[in-house]
């Protein structure tokens, strides 16, 4: 299985992601070890991302149980 390089990015318009078919609510743990509820996106080329200050995510678990 390929190694996934998960990043935490800022969303330009977060409300657009709420209805997007590629997004799911997830519990995400960052480098600081603190879990937070965020939006997980399966799309790899979204124009709604601000990747300038992206930081690595150590774990992602969606509400339906998928883990990345």
PDB file of N, CA and C in Angstrom:
ATOM      1  N   UNK A   1       0.836  -1.176   0.000  1.00  0.00           N
ATOM      2  CA  UNK A   1       0.000   0.000   0.000  1.00  0.00           C
ATOM      3  C   UNK A   1       0.884   1.244   0.000  1.00  0.00           C
ATOM      4  N   UNK A   2       0.513   2.250  -0.762  1.00  0.00           N
ATOM      5  CA  UNK A   2       1.297   3.473  -0.885  1.00  0.00           C
ATOM      6  C   UNK A   2       1.218   4.308   0.391  1.00  0.00           C
ATOM      7  N   UNK A   3       2.324   4.954   0.727  1.00  0.00           N
ATOM      8  CA  UNK A   3       2.380   5.845   1.882  1.00  0.00           C
ATOM      9  C   UNK A   3       1.578   7.105   1.584  1.00  0.00           C
ATOM     10  N   UNK A   4       0.684   7.494   2.494  1.00  0.00           N
ATOM     11  CA  UNK A   4      -0.101   8.714   2.305  1.00  0.00           C
ATOM     12  C   UNK A   4       0.580   9.851   3.040  1.00  0.00           C
ATOM     13  N   UNK A   5       0.630  10.996   2.417  1.00  0.00           N
ATOM     14  CA  UNK A   5       1.240  12.184   2.987  1.00  0.00           C
ATOM     15  C   UNK A   5       0.116  13.152   3.338  1.00  0.00           C
ATOM     16  N   UNK A   6      -0.490  13.001   4.516  1.00  0.00           N
ATOM     17  CA  UNK A   6      -1.636  13.806   4.910  1.00  0.00           C
ATOM     18  C   UNK A   6      -1.183  15.152   5.457  1.00  0.00           C
ATOM     19  N   UNK A   7      -1.880  16.200   5.042  1.00  0.00           N
ATOM     20  CA  UNK A   7      -1.556  17.556   5.477  1.00  0.00           C
ATOM     21  C   UNK A   7      -2.801  18.238   6.025  1.00  0.00           C
ATOM     22  N   UNK A   8      -2.589  19.150   6.960  1.00  0.00           N
ATOM     23  CA  UNK A   8      -3.655  20.008   7.462  1.00  0.00           C
ATOM     24  C   UNK A   8      -3.506  21.343   6.742  1.00  0.00           C
ATOM     25  N   UNK A   9      -4.545  21.758   6.011  1.00  0.00           N
ATOM     26  CA  UNK A   9      -4.507  23.001   5.240  1.00  0.00           C
ATOM     27  C   UNK A   9      -5.662  23.904   5.675  1.00  0.00           C
ATOM     28  N   UNK A  10      -5.528  25.175   5.393  1.00  0.00           N
ATOM     29  CA  UNK A  10      -6.606  26.131   5.663  1.00  0.00           C
ATOM     30  C   UNK A  10      -7.557  26.123   4.472  1.00  0.00           C
ATOM     31  N   UNK A  11      -8.858  26.181   4.763  1.00  0.00           N
ATOM     32  CA  UNK A  11      -9.864  26.244   3.704  1.00  0.00           C
ATOM     33  C   UNK A  11     -10.221  27.686   3.430  1.00  0.00           C
ATOM     34  N   UNK A  12     -10.285  28.061   2.169  1.00  0.00           N
ATOM     35  CA  UNK A  12     -10.635  29.427   1.804  1.00  0.00           C
ATOM     36  C   UNK A  12     -12.106  29.706   2.081  1.00  0.00           C
ATOM     37  N   UNK A  13     -12.978  28.782   1.706  1.00  0.00           N
ATOM     38  CA  UNK A  13     -14.430  28.892   1.917  1.00  0.00           C
ATOM     39  C   UNK A  13     -14.926  27.576   2.519  1.00  0.00           C
ATOM     40  N   UNK A  14     -14.831  27.394   3.844  1.00  0.00           N
ATOM     41  CA  UNK A  14     -15.183  26.111   4.469  1.00  0.00           C
ATOM     42  C   UNK A  14     -16.608  25.645   4.199  1.00  0.00           C
ATOM     43  N   UNK A  15     -17.549  26.569   4.062  1.00  0.00           N
ATOM     44  CA  UNK A  15     -18.947  26.174   3.842  1.00  0.00           C
ATOM     45  C   UNK A  15     -19.135  25.431   2.519  1.00  0.00           C
ATOM     46  N   UNK A  16     -18.269  25.646   1.547  1.00  0.00           N
ATOM     47  CA  UNK A  16     -18.358  24.912   0.282  1.00  0.00           C
ATOM     48  C   UNK A  16     -18.103  23.416   0.486  1.00  0.00           C
ATOM     49  N   UNK A  17     -17.268  23.077   1.446  1.00  0.00           N
ATOM     50  CA  UNK A  17     -16.905  21.682   1.694  1.00  0.00           C
ATOM     51  C   UNK A  17     -18.031  20.896   2.361  1.00  0.00           C
ATOM     52  N   UNK A  18     -18.931  21.569   3.042  1.00  0.00           N
ATOM     53  CA  UNK A  18     -19.987  20.877   3.771  1.00  0.00           C
ATOM     54  C   UNK A  18     -20.920  20.101   2.856  1.00  0.00           C
ATOM     55  N   UNK A  19     -21.097  20.550   1.620  1.00  0.00           N
ATOM     56  CA  UNK A  19     -21.974  19.867   0.661  1.00  0.00           C
ATOM     57  C   UNK A  19     -21.208  19.105  -0.418  1.00  0.00           C
ATOM     58  N   UNK A  20     -19.898  19.126  -0.350  1.00  0.00           N
ATOM     59  CA  UNK A  20     -19.073  18.481  -1.372  1.00  0.00           C
ATOM     60  C   UNK A  20     -19.084  16.963  -1.204  1.00  0.00           C
ATOM     61  N   UNK A  21     -19.191  16.230  -2.307  1.00  0.00           N
ATOM     62  CA  UNK A  21     -19.216  14.768  -2.251  1.00  0.00           C
ATOM     63  C   UNK A  21     -17.859  14.157  -1.907  1.00  0.00           C
ATOM     64  N   UNK A  22     -16.795  14.927  -1.968  1.00  0.00           N
ATOM     65  CA  UNK A  22     -15.456  14.434  -1.655  1.00  0.00           C
ATOM     66  C   UNK A  22     -15.073  14.618  -0.189  1.00  0.00           C
ATOM     67  N   UNK A  23     -15.890  15.333   0.598  1.00  0.00           N
ATOM     68  CA  UNK A  23     -15.499  15.656   1.973  1.00  0.00           C
ATOM     69  C   UNK A  23     -16.269  14.852   3.008  1.00  0.00           C
ATOM     70  N   UNK A  24     -15.620  14.654   4.154  1.00  0.00           N
ATOM     71  CA  UNK A  24     -16.201  13.969   5.311  1.00  0.00           C
ATOM     72  C   UNK A  24     -15.687  14.665   6.567  1.00  0.00           C
ATOM     73  N   UNK A  25     -16.481  14.626   7.631  1.00  0.00           N
ATOM     74  CA  UNK A  25     -16.026  15.126   8.919  1.00  0.00           C
ATOM     75  C   UNK A  25     -15.105  14.062   9.517  1.00  0.00           C
ATOM     76  N   UNK A  26     -13.982  14.504  10.104  1.00  0.00           N
ATOM     77  CA  UNK A  26     -13.003  13.564  10.642  1.00  0.00           C
ATOM     78  C   UNK A  26     -12.379  14.114  11.916  1.00  0.00           C
ATOM     79  N   UNK A  27     -11.848  13.211  12.716  1.00  0.00           N
ATOM     80  CA  UNK A  27     -11.027  13.583  13.863  1.00  0.00           C
ATOM     81  C   UNK A  27      -9.589  13.498  13.394  1.00  0.00           C
ATOM     82  N   UNK A  28      -8.893  14.623  13.442  1.00  0.00           N
ATOM     83  CA  UNK A  28      -7.546  14.733  12.898  1.00  0.00           C
ATOM     84  C   UNK A  28      -6.577  15.090  14.024  1.00  0.00           C
ATOM     85  N   UNK A  29      -5.459  14.381  14.083  1.00  0.00           N
ATOM     86  CA  UNK A  29      -4.419  14.691  15.056  1.00  0.00           C
ATOM     87  C   UNK A  29      -3.237  15.295  14.315  1.00  0.00           C
ATOM     88  N   UNK A  30      -2.812  16.457  14.773  1.00  0.00           N
ATOM     89  CA  UNK A  30      -1.678  17.144  14.165  1.00  0.00           C
ATOM     90  C   UNK A  30      -0.380  16.795  14.869  1.00  0.00           C
ATOM     91  N   UNK A  31       0.674  17.487  14.525  1.00  0.00           N
ATOM     92  CA  UNK A  31       1.994  17.246  15.112  1.00  0.00           C
ATOM     93  C   UNK A  31       2.020  17.508  16.608  1.00  0.00           C
ATOM     94  N   UNK A  32       1.130  18.360  17.104  1.00  0.00           N
ATOM     95  CA  UNK A  32       1.091  18.678  18.534  1.00  0.00           C
ATOM     96  C   UNK A  32       0.396  17.601  19.358  1.00  0.00           C
ATOM     97  N   UNK A  33      -0.210  16.603  18.702  1.00  0.00           N
ATOM     98  CA  UNK A  33      -0.858  15.500  19.381  1.00  0.00           C
ATOM     99  C   UNK A  33      -2.278  15.771  19.839  1.00  0.00           C
ATOM    100  N   UNK A  34      -2.806  16.947  19.536  1.00  0.00           N
ATOM    101  CA  UNK A  34      -4.154  17.320  19.951  1.00  0.00           C
ATOM    102  C   UNK A  34      -5.147  16.967  18.841  1.00  0.00           C
ATOM    103  N   UNK A  35      -6.142  16.106  19.142  1.00  0.00           N
ATOM    104  CA  UNK A  35      -7.153  15.778  18.123  1.00  0.00           C
ATOM    105  C   UNK A  35      -8.159  16.915  17.949  1.00  0.00           C
ATOM    106  N   UNK A  36      -8.576  17.153  16.707  1.00  0.00           N
ATOM    107  CA  UNK A  36      -9.557  18.186  16.385  1.00  0.00           C
ATOM    108  C   UNK A  36     -10.500  17.648  15.323  1.00  0.00           C
ATOM    109  N   UNK A  37     -11.740  18.154  15.325  1.00  0.00           N
ATOM    110  CA  UNK A  37     -12.694  17.808  14.261  1.00  0.00           C
ATOM    111  C   UNK A  37     -12.410  18.726  13.073  1.00  0.00           C
ATOM    112  N   UNK A  38     -12.215  18.118  11.924  1.00  0.00           N
ATOM    113  CA  UNK A  38     -11.905  18.849  10.703  1.00  0.00           C
ATOM    114  C   UNK A  38     -12.622  18.192   9.538  1.00  0.00           C
ATOM    115  N   UNK A  39     -12.432  18.754   8.381  1.00  0.00           N
ATOM    116  CA  UNK A  39     -12.976  18.181   7.151  1.00  0.00           C
ATOM    117  C   UNK A  39     -11.862  17.416   6.454  1.00  0.00           C
ATOM    118  N   UNK A  40     -12.139  16.142   6.125  1.00  0.00           N
ATOM    119  CA  UNK A  40     -11.207  15.329   5.356  1.00  0.00           C
ATOM    120  C   UNK A  40     -11.673  15.347   3.910  1.00  0.00           C
ATOM    121  N   UNK A  41     -10.771  15.591   2.983  1.00  0.00           N
ATOM    122  CA  UNK A  41     -11.115  15.684   1.564  1.00  0.00           C
ATOM    123  C   UNK A  41     -10.397  14.593   0.776  1.00  0.00           C
ATOM    124  N   UNK A  42     -11.152  13.883  -0.049  1.00  0.00           N
ATOM    125  CA  UNK A  42     -10.567  12.840  -0.897  1.00  0.00           C
ATOM    126  C   UNK A  42     -10.042  13.398  -2.218  1.00  0.00           C
ATOM    127  N   UNK A  43     -10.390  14.637  -2.502  1.00  0.00           N
ATOM    128  CA  UNK A  43      -9.956  15.246  -3.756  1.00  0.00           C
ATOM    129  C   UNK A  43      -8.520  15.735  -3.584  1.00  0.00           C
ATOM    130  N   UNK A  44      -7.696  15.544  -4.584  1.00  0.00           N
ATOM    131  CA  UNK A  44      -6.280  15.901  -4.467  1.00  0.00           C
ATOM    132  C   UNK A  44      -5.913  17.238  -5.106  1.00  0.00           C
ATOM    133  N   UNK A  45      -6.876  17.902  -5.735  1.00  0.00           N
ATOM    134  CA  UNK A  45      -6.545  19.132  -6.459  1.00  0.00           C
ATOM    135  C   UNK A  45      -7.585  20.235  -6.243  1.00  0.00           C
ATOM    136  N   UNK A  46      -8.074  20.394  -5.048  1.00  0.00           N
ATOM    137  CA  UNK A  46      -9.151  21.341  -4.772  1.00  0.00           C
ATOM    138  C   UNK A  46      -8.639  22.784  -4.788  1.00  0.00           C
ATOM    139  N   UNK A  47      -9.406  23.669  -5.402  1.00  0.00           N
ATOM    140  CA  UNK A  47      -9.059  25.090  -5.446  1.00  0.00           C
ATOM    141  C   UNK A  47      -9.425  25.819  -4.164  1.00  0.00           C
ATOM    142  N   UNK A  48     -10.058  25.133  -3.222  1.00  0.00           N
ATOM    143  CA  UNK A  48     -10.496  25.744  -1.972  1.00  0.00           C
ATOM    144  C   UNK A  48      -9.444  25.619  -0.867  1.00  0.00           C
ATOM    145  N   UNK A  49      -8.264  25.145  -1.181  1.00  0.00           N
ATOM    146  CA  UNK A  49      -7.209  24.954  -0.193  1.00  0.00           C
ATOM    147  C   UNK A  49      -6.203  26.094  -0.236  1.00  0.00           C
ATOM    148  N   UNK A  50      -5.747  26.502   0.940  1.00  0.00           N
ATOM    149  CA  UNK A  50      -4.611  27.420   1.071  1.00  0.00           C
ATOM    150  C   UNK A  50      -3.485  26.589   1.679  1.00  0.00           C
ATOM    151  N   UNK A  51      -2.550  26.151   0.842  1.00  0.00           N
ATOM    152  CA  UNK A  51      -1.516  25.212   1.281  1.00  0.00           C
ATOM    153  C   UNK A  51      -0.227  25.881   1.744  1.00  0.00           C
ATOM    154  N   UNK A  52      -0.213  27.202   1.807  1.00  0.00           N
ATOM    155  CA  UNK A  52       1.007  27.926   2.179  1.00  0.00           C
ATOM    156  C   UNK A  52       1.522  27.493   3.553  1.00  0.00           C
ATOM    157  N   UNK A  53       0.651  27.398   4.541  1.00  0.00           N
ATOM    158  CA  UNK A  53       1.061  27.033   5.892  1.00  0.00           C
ATOM    159  C   UNK A  53       0.628  25.617   6.257  1.00  0.00           C
ATOM    160  N   UNK A  54       0.634  24.690   5.299  1.00  0.00           N
ATOM    161  CA  UNK A  54       0.213  23.314   5.550  1.00  0.00           C
ATOM    162  C   UNK A  54       1.135  22.651   6.562  1.00  0.00           C
ATOM    163  N   UNK A  55       0.551  21.817   7.418  1.00  0.00           N
ATOM    164  CA  UNK A  55       1.342  21.070   8.394  1.00  0.00           C
ATOM    165  C   UNK A  55       0.945  19.597   8.325  1.00  0.00           C
ATOM    166  N   UNK A  56       1.848  18.701   8.668  1.00  0.00           N
ATOM    167  CA  UNK A  56       1.548  17.273   8.596  1.00  0.00           C
ATOM    168  C   UNK A  56       0.490  16.851   9.616  1.00  0.00           C
ATOM    169  N   UNK A  57      -0.331  15.882   9.239  1.00  0.00           N
ATOM    170  CA  UNK A  57      -1.285  15.261  10.148  1.00  0.00           C
ATOM    171  C   UNK A  57      -0.743  13.881  10.501  1.00  0.00           C
ATOM    172  N   UNK A  58      -0.846  13.506  11.772  1.00  0.00           N
ATOM    173  CA  UNK A  58      -0.326  12.195  12.176  1.00  0.00           C
ATOM    174  C   UNK A  58      -1.377  11.111  12.080  1.00  0.00           C
ATOM    175  N   UNK A  59      -2.671  11.460  12.234  1.00  0.00           N
ATOM    176  CA  UNK A  59      -3.736  10.474  12.053  1.00  0.00           C
ATOM    177  C   UNK A  59      -5.037  11.163  11.678  1.00  0.00           C
ATOM    178  N   UNK A  60      -5.852  10.446  10.903  1.00  0.00           N
ATOM    179  CA  UNK A  60      -7.157  10.937  10.470  1.00  0.00           C
ATOM    180  C   UNK A  60      -8.137   9.775  10.574  1.00  0.00           C
ATOM    181  N   UNK A  61      -9.267  10.004  11.263  1.00  0.00           N
ATOM    182  CA  UNK A  61     -10.328   8.998  11.359  1.00  0.00           C
ATOM    183  C   UNK A  61     -11.653   9.685  11.079  1.00  0.00           C
ATOM    184  N   UNK A  62     -12.351   9.241  10.015  1.00  0.00           N
ATOM    185  CA  UNK A  62     -13.632   9.839   9.661  1.00  0.00           C
ATOM    186  C   UNK A  62     -14.729   9.320  10.586  1.00  0.00           C
ATOM    187  N   UNK A  63     -15.858  10.009  10.579  1.00  0.00           N
ATOM    188  CA  UNK A  63     -16.978   9.620  11.437  1.00  0.00           C
ATOM    189  C   UNK A  63     -17.521   8.235  11.110  1.00  0.00           C
ATOM    190  N   UNK A  64     -17.352   7.796   9.867  1.00  0.00           N
ATOM    191  CA  UNK A  64     -17.831   6.452   9.509  1.00  0.00           C
ATOM    192  C   UNK A  64     -16.771   5.369   9.716  1.00  0.00           C
ATOM    193  N   UNK A  65     -15.665   5.698  10.381  1.00  0.00           N
ATOM    194  CA  UNK A  65     -14.684   4.700  10.791  1.00  0.00           C
ATOM    195  C   UNK A  65     -13.478   4.517   9.917  1.00  0.00           C
ATOM    196  N   UNK A  66     -13.418   5.185   8.763  1.00  0.00           N
ATOM    197  CA  UNK A  66     -12.229   5.064   7.915  1.00  0.00           C
ATOM    198  C   UNK A  66     -11.053   5.704   8.616  1.00  0.00           C
ATOM    199  N   UNK A  67      -9.883   5.057   8.540  1.00  0.00           N
ATOM    200  CA  UNK A  67      -8.688   5.602   9.161  1.00  0.00           C
ATOM    201  C   UNK A  67      -7.596   5.752   8.113  1.00  0.00           C
ATOM    202  N   UNK A  68      -6.905   6.880   8.166  1.00  0.00           N
ATOM    203  CA  UNK A  68      -5.848   7.188   7.196  1.00  0.00           C
ATOM    204  C   UNK A  68      -4.571   7.517   7.919  1.00  0.00           C
TER     205      UNK A  68
END
